[in-house]
């Protein structure tokens, strides 16, 4: 298995652990148990996509619509190079293109935390209110100007997700400012995901410090390859400072008829 195949397999495994899986060969859809947010519900190809996929895509769309979810795909482009054209023919549009980046113990570069910053490692034993704080901080980091509402159900789900993974909550002089998480390892591979910093605290090295602490924890727990995807060049440069290197690209496709989302 190549490194790129290993990364895609890790994404499938992490999604199957967190979400409800529905197999529609040659695809698998992953649905969040209660949150219809477009980014938390998506399909991944099971492998190379060959043959006529029109009926499979029709069935897959029905699975999304039956759950009031927006049909969407996330996948590594080079492992299914013909899929983008088939998705466009089936009524999808490209939502984004992301850089897939990897970091190993050999490339990892520790990044010093700014003065006054502390980063807590959250586990299943962490207090519920601290986990709620983490959820609210990352929600607001991704959606500036909103007032996050974190349900008890979301706190319980996040704690369950931390059984073999870890989350990270950064505070500047006691105030929550940033967060991120590392998925449970699969075949020595984990994903660093959901890194977000509150808008007013960006540009101060806080995000890089969170990424650095997350990588340090992942490697200490036996992870061999830590990967992430990023859409912006600015974020890519941040990750490079901690030792991440570009490996390939991911594509994100969404139902062209769906309303625009932030």
Protein backbone atom coordinates (compact mmCIF):
# COMPACT_ATOMS: atom_id res chain seq x y z
CA UNK A 1 0.00 0.00 0.00
CA UNK A 2 1.40 3.38 -1.03
CA UNK A 3 1.52 6.34 1.35
CA UNK A 4 -1.36 8.03 -0.47
CA UNK A 5 -3.48 4.86 -0.29
CA UNK A 6 -2.62 4.61 3.40
CA UNK A 7 -3.88 8.13 4.00
CA UNK A 8 -7.18 7.49 2.21
CA UNK A 9 -7.63 4.24 4.14
CA UNK A 10 -7.07 6.14 7.38
CA UNK A 11 -9.74 8.68 6.40
CA UNK A 12 -12.23 5.88 5.73
CA UNK A 13 -11.42 4.22 9.03
CA UNK A 14 -11.74 7.44 11.03
CA UNK A 15 -15.07 8.25 9.38
CA UNK A 16 -16.41 4.75 10.05
CA UNK A 17 -15.50 5.12 13.73
CA UNK A 18 -17.23 8.49 14.13
CA UNK A 19 -20.21 8.26 11.77
CA UNK A 20 -22.86 5.88 10.49
CA UNK A 21 -21.56 4.07 7.40
CA UNK A 22 -23.77 3.22 4.43
CA UNK A 23 -22.13 1.15 1.69
CA UNK A 24 -23.22 1.86 -1.88
CA UNK A 25 -20.48 0.21 -4.01
CA UNK A 26 -18.12 1.58 -5.17
CA UNK A 27 -18.72 4.27 -2.53
CA UNK A 28 -19.35 4.51 1.21
CA UNK A 29 -21.35 7.37 2.70
CA UNK A 30 -20.67 8.56 6.24
CA UNK A 31 -23.45 10.32 8.15
CA UNK A 32 -23.12 12.20 11.44
CA UNK A 33 -25.64 10.70 13.87
CA UNK A 34 -27.41 14.00 14.62
CA UNK A 35 -25.66 16.95 12.93
CA UNK A 36 -26.70 17.75 9.34
CA UNK A 37 -23.84 20.22 8.83
CA UNK A 38 -22.62 19.70 5.28
CA UNK A 39 -18.97 19.17 6.28
CA UNK A 40 -19.86 16.30 8.63
CA UNK A 41 -21.65 14.16 6.04
CA UNK A 42 -19.87 12.90 2.94
CA UNK A 43 -18.96 9.93 0.75
CA UNK A 44 -15.55 8.43 -0.06
CA UNK A 45 -14.77 6.02 -2.92
CA UNK A 46 -13.94 2.49 -1.74
CA UNK A 47 -11.05 2.36 -4.22
CA UNK A 48 -10.45 3.06 -7.91
CA UNK A 49 -13.72 3.97 -9.62
CA UNK A 50 -14.34 2.01 -12.83
CA UNK A 51 -17.33 0.99 -14.95
CA UNK A 52 -20.73 2.64 -15.05
CA UNK A 53 -21.38 4.47 -11.77
CA UNK A 54 -24.61 6.27 -12.70
CA UNK A 55 -26.91 3.94 -10.74
CA UNK A 56 -24.58 3.92 -7.73
CA UNK A 57 -24.52 7.72 -7.69
CA UNK A 58 -28.30 7.83 -7.96
CA UNK A 59 -28.67 5.46 -4.98
CA UNK A 60 -26.10 7.40 -3.01
CA UNK A 61 -27.96 10.65 -3.58
CA UNK A 62 -31.13 8.98 -2.30
CA UNK A 63 -29.33 7.92 0.89
CA UNK A 64 -28.31 11.53 1.55
CA UNK A 65 -31.73 12.96 0.76
CA UNK A 66 -33.50 10.38 2.92
CA UNK A 67 -31.52 11.74 5.89
CA UNK A 68 -31.96 15.40 4.92
CA UNK A 69 -28.25 15.67 4.20
CA UNK A 70 -26.56 17.48 1.31
CA UNK A 71 -24.88 14.99 -1.09
CA UNK A 72 -21.14 15.53 -0.88
CA UNK A 73 -17.78 13.82 -1.59
CA UNK A 74 -14.32 14.08 -0.05
CA UNK A 75 -11.53 12.03 -1.63
CA UNK A 76 -7.90 11.85 -2.79
CA UNK A 77 -7.94 12.82 -6.45
CA UNK A 78 -5.08 10.63 -7.71
CA UNK A 79 -6.76 7.47 -6.38
CA UNK A 80 -9.95 8.12 -8.37
CA UNK A 81 -8.91 10.40 -11.24
CA UNK A 82 -12.05 9.79 -13.34
CA UNK A 83 -14.49 10.50 -10.53
CA UNK A 84 -14.58 14.29 -10.87
CA UNK A 85 -16.01 14.11 -14.38
CA UNK A 86 -18.62 11.56 -13.33
CA UNK A 87 -19.65 13.72 -10.40
CA UNK A 88 -20.10 16.76 -12.61
CA UNK A 89 -22.23 14.68 -14.97
CA UNK A 90 -24.32 13.59 -11.98
CA UNK A 91 -25.10 17.15 -10.86
CA UNK A 92 -22.22 17.93 -8.51
CA UNK A 93 -19.89 20.92 -8.52
CA UNK A 94 -16.39 21.24 -7.13
CA UNK A 95 -16.61 22.83 -3.71
CA UNK A 96 -12.88 23.08 -2.98
CA UNK A 97 -9.45 21.65 -3.58
CA UNK A 98 -7.14 21.00 -0.64
CA UNK A 99 -3.49 20.24 -0.16
CA UNK A 100 -2.89 16.95 1.64
CA UNK A 101 0.18 17.29 3.87
CA UNK A 102 2.09 14.81 6.04
CA UNK A 103 4.44 15.04 9.00
CA UNK A 104 6.62 12.32 10.55
CA UNK A 105 8.92 12.18 13.55
CA UNK A 106 11.82 12.94 11.20
CA UNK A 107 10.27 16.08 9.70
CA UNK A 108 8.55 17.37 12.86
CA UNK A 109 9.80 20.79 14.04
CA UNK A 110 8.61 21.88 17.51
CA UNK A 111 7.07 25.35 17.53
CA UNK A 112 7.35 27.38 20.73
CA UNK A 113 4.08 28.56 22.25
CA UNK A 114 3.59 32.34 22.50
CA UNK A 115 3.96 33.77 25.99
CA UNK A 116 0.81 33.24 28.04
CA UNK A 117 -0.48 30.34 25.92
CA UNK A 118 -1.26 26.95 27.44
CA UNK A 119 -2.50 23.90 25.52
CA UNK A 120 -4.57 21.25 27.33
CA UNK A 121 -4.82 17.68 26.02
CA UNK A 122 -8.41 16.42 26.22
CA UNK A 123 -9.20 12.73 26.72
CA UNK A 124 -12.30 10.70 27.68
CA UNK A 125 -11.55 11.57 31.32
CA UNK A 126 -11.65 15.33 30.72
CA UNK A 127 -14.43 17.35 32.42
CA UNK A 128 -17.54 17.80 30.29
CA UNK A 129 -17.40 21.58 30.61
CA UNK A 130 -13.85 21.63 29.25
CA UNK A 131 -14.98 19.56 26.27
CA UNK A 132 -17.93 21.93 25.78
CA UNK A 133 -15.43 24.81 25.81
CA UNK A 134 -13.38 23.05 23.13
CA UNK A 135 -16.44 22.50 20.91
CA UNK A 136 -17.56 26.11 21.27
CA UNK A 137 -14.09 27.47 20.52
CA UNK A 138 -13.58 25.48 17.33
CA UNK A 139 -17.14 26.20 16.16
CA UNK A 140 -16.59 29.91 16.55
CA UNK A 141 -13.15 29.66 14.99
CA UNK A 142 -14.67 28.22 11.83
CA UNK A 143 -17.69 30.55 11.91
CA UNK A 144 -16.58 33.99 13.16
CA UNK A 145 -19.34 36.24 14.41
CA UNK A 146 -21.63 33.41 15.43
CA UNK A 147 -22.67 32.40 18.93
CA UNK A 148 -21.95 28.68 19.29
CA UNK A 149 -24.50 26.42 20.95
CA UNK A 150 -23.05 23.12 22.16
CA UNK A 151 -25.59 20.48 23.16
CA UNK A 152 -25.06 17.80 25.79
CA UNK A 153 -25.32 15.29 22.96
CA UNK A 154 -22.40 16.89 21.14
CA UNK A 155 -20.29 16.88 24.31
CA UNK A 156 -21.01 13.17 24.83
CA UNK A 157 -20.21 12.40 21.18
CA UNK A 158 -16.92 14.31 21.38
CA UNK A 159 -15.92 12.46 24.54
CA UNK A 160 -16.68 9.14 22.84
CA UNK A 161 -14.55 10.17 19.86
CA UNK A 162 -11.63 10.76 22.23
CA UNK A 163 -11.47 7.10 23.28
CA UNK A 164 -8.32 6.58 21.19
CA UNK A 165 -7.87 10.09 19.78
CA UNK A 166 -7.10 13.38 21.48
CA UNK A 167 -8.35 16.98 21.32
CA UNK A 168 -6.39 20.11 22.16
CA UNK A 169 -7.68 23.33 23.68
CA UNK A 170 -5.43 26.39 23.74
CA UNK A 171 -5.96 29.21 26.21
CA UNK A 172 -4.31 32.59 26.23
CA UNK A 173 -4.04 33.72 29.83
CA UNK A 174 -6.96 31.47 30.68
CA UNK A 175 -9.25 32.41 27.79
CA UNK A 176 -10.02 29.72 25.15
CA UNK A 177 -8.63 30.84 21.77
CA UNK A 178 -7.95 27.77 19.60
CA UNK A 179 -8.42 24.02 19.28
CA UNK A 180 -7.88 20.96 17.12
CA UNK A 181 -7.99 17.18 17.32
CA UNK A 182 -6.07 14.06 16.28
CA UNK A 183 -8.06 11.04 15.14
CA UNK A 184 -7.43 7.56 16.57
CA UNK A 185 -4.45 5.93 14.82
CA UNK A 186 -5.06 3.39 12.06
CA UNK A 187 -2.08 1.43 10.78
CA UNK A 188 0.19 4.00 12.43
CA UNK A 189 -1.57 6.90 10.71
CA UNK A 190 -3.69 9.70 12.21
CA UNK A 191 -5.31 12.85 10.91
CA UNK A 192 -4.94 16.29 12.46
CA UNK A 193 -8.31 17.92 11.89
CA UNK A 194 -10.53 20.80 12.93
CA UNK A 195 -7.74 23.22 13.83
CA UNK A 196 -9.39 26.62 14.33
CA UNK A 197 -8.38 29.84 16.06
CA UNK A 198 -10.73 32.64 17.06
CA UNK A 199 -10.55 35.42 14.50
CA UNK A 200 -9.26 38.08 16.87
CA UNK A 201 -6.35 35.85 17.95
CA UNK A 202 -5.03 34.86 14.52
CA UNK A 203 -1.58 35.80 13.26
CA UNK A 204 0.12 35.33 16.62
CA UNK A 205 1.53 31.81 16.23
CA UNK A 206 -1.27 30.24 18.27
CA UNK A 207 -2.40 27.86 15.52
CA UNK A 208 1.16 26.69 14.91
CA UNK A 209 1.60 26.06 18.64
CA UNK A 210 -1.58 23.94 18.74
CA UNK A 211 -0.43 21.96 15.68
CA UNK A 212 3.00 21.46 17.26
CA UNK A 213 1.52 20.20 20.55
CA UNK A 214 -0.86 17.88 18.69
CA UNK A 215 1.98 16.41 16.62
CA UNK A 216 4.12 15.94 19.72
CA UNK A 217 1.29 14.06 21.45
CA UNK A 218 0.52 11.94 18.36
CA UNK A 219 4.11 10.80 17.93
CA UNK A 220 4.40 10.07 21.66
CA UNK A 221 1.34 7.81 21.31
CA UNK A 222 2.94 5.79 18.51
CA UNK A 223 1.68 7.56 15.38
CA UNK A 224 4.12 7.22 12.48
CA UNK A 225 2.44 9.51 9.94
CA UNK A 226 0.29 12.51 10.85
CA UNK A 227 -1.59 14.13 7.99
CA UNK A 228 -3.98 17.00 7.37
CA UNK A 229 -5.71 18.79 4.54
CA UNK A 230 -5.74 22.54 4.06
CA UNK A 231 -7.41 24.75 1.47
CA UNK A 232 -5.53 28.01 1.99
CA UNK A 233 -1.88 28.67 1.20
CA UNK A 234 -1.62 30.71 4.40
CA UNK A 235 -2.57 27.70 6.51
CA UNK A 236 -0.23 25.52 4.46
CA UNK A 237 2.69 27.79 5.34
CA UNK A 238 1.70 27.56 9.01
CA UNK A 239 1.81 23.76 8.87
CA UNK A 240 5.13 23.78 7.03
CA UNK A 241 6.65 25.58 10.02
CA UNK A 242 5.89 22.48 12.11
CA UNK A 243 7.28 20.03 9.55
CA UNK A 244 4.32 19.14 7.31
CA UNK A 245 5.05 18.58 3.61
CA UNK A 246 2.72 18.52 0.60
CA UNK A 247 2.04 15.01 -0.77
CA UNK A 248 -1.03 15.18 -3.02
CA UNK A 249 -4.39 16.91 -3.37
CA UNK A 250 -7.92 16.23 -2.19
CA UNK A 251 -11.11 17.22 -3.97
CA UNK A 252 -14.43 18.18 -2.42
CA UNK A 253 -17.62 17.94 -4.48
CA UNK A 254 -21.11 18.97 -3.40
CA UNK A 255 -24.58 18.82 -4.92
CA UNK A 256 -24.75 21.72 -7.37
CA UNK A 257 -28.38 22.38 -6.42
CA UNK A 258 -27.59 22.76 -2.70
CA UNK A 259 -27.73 26.25 -1.17
CA UNK A 260 -24.38 27.93 -0.63
CA UNK A 261 -22.88 27.30 2.81
CA UNK A 262 -20.13 29.16 4.69
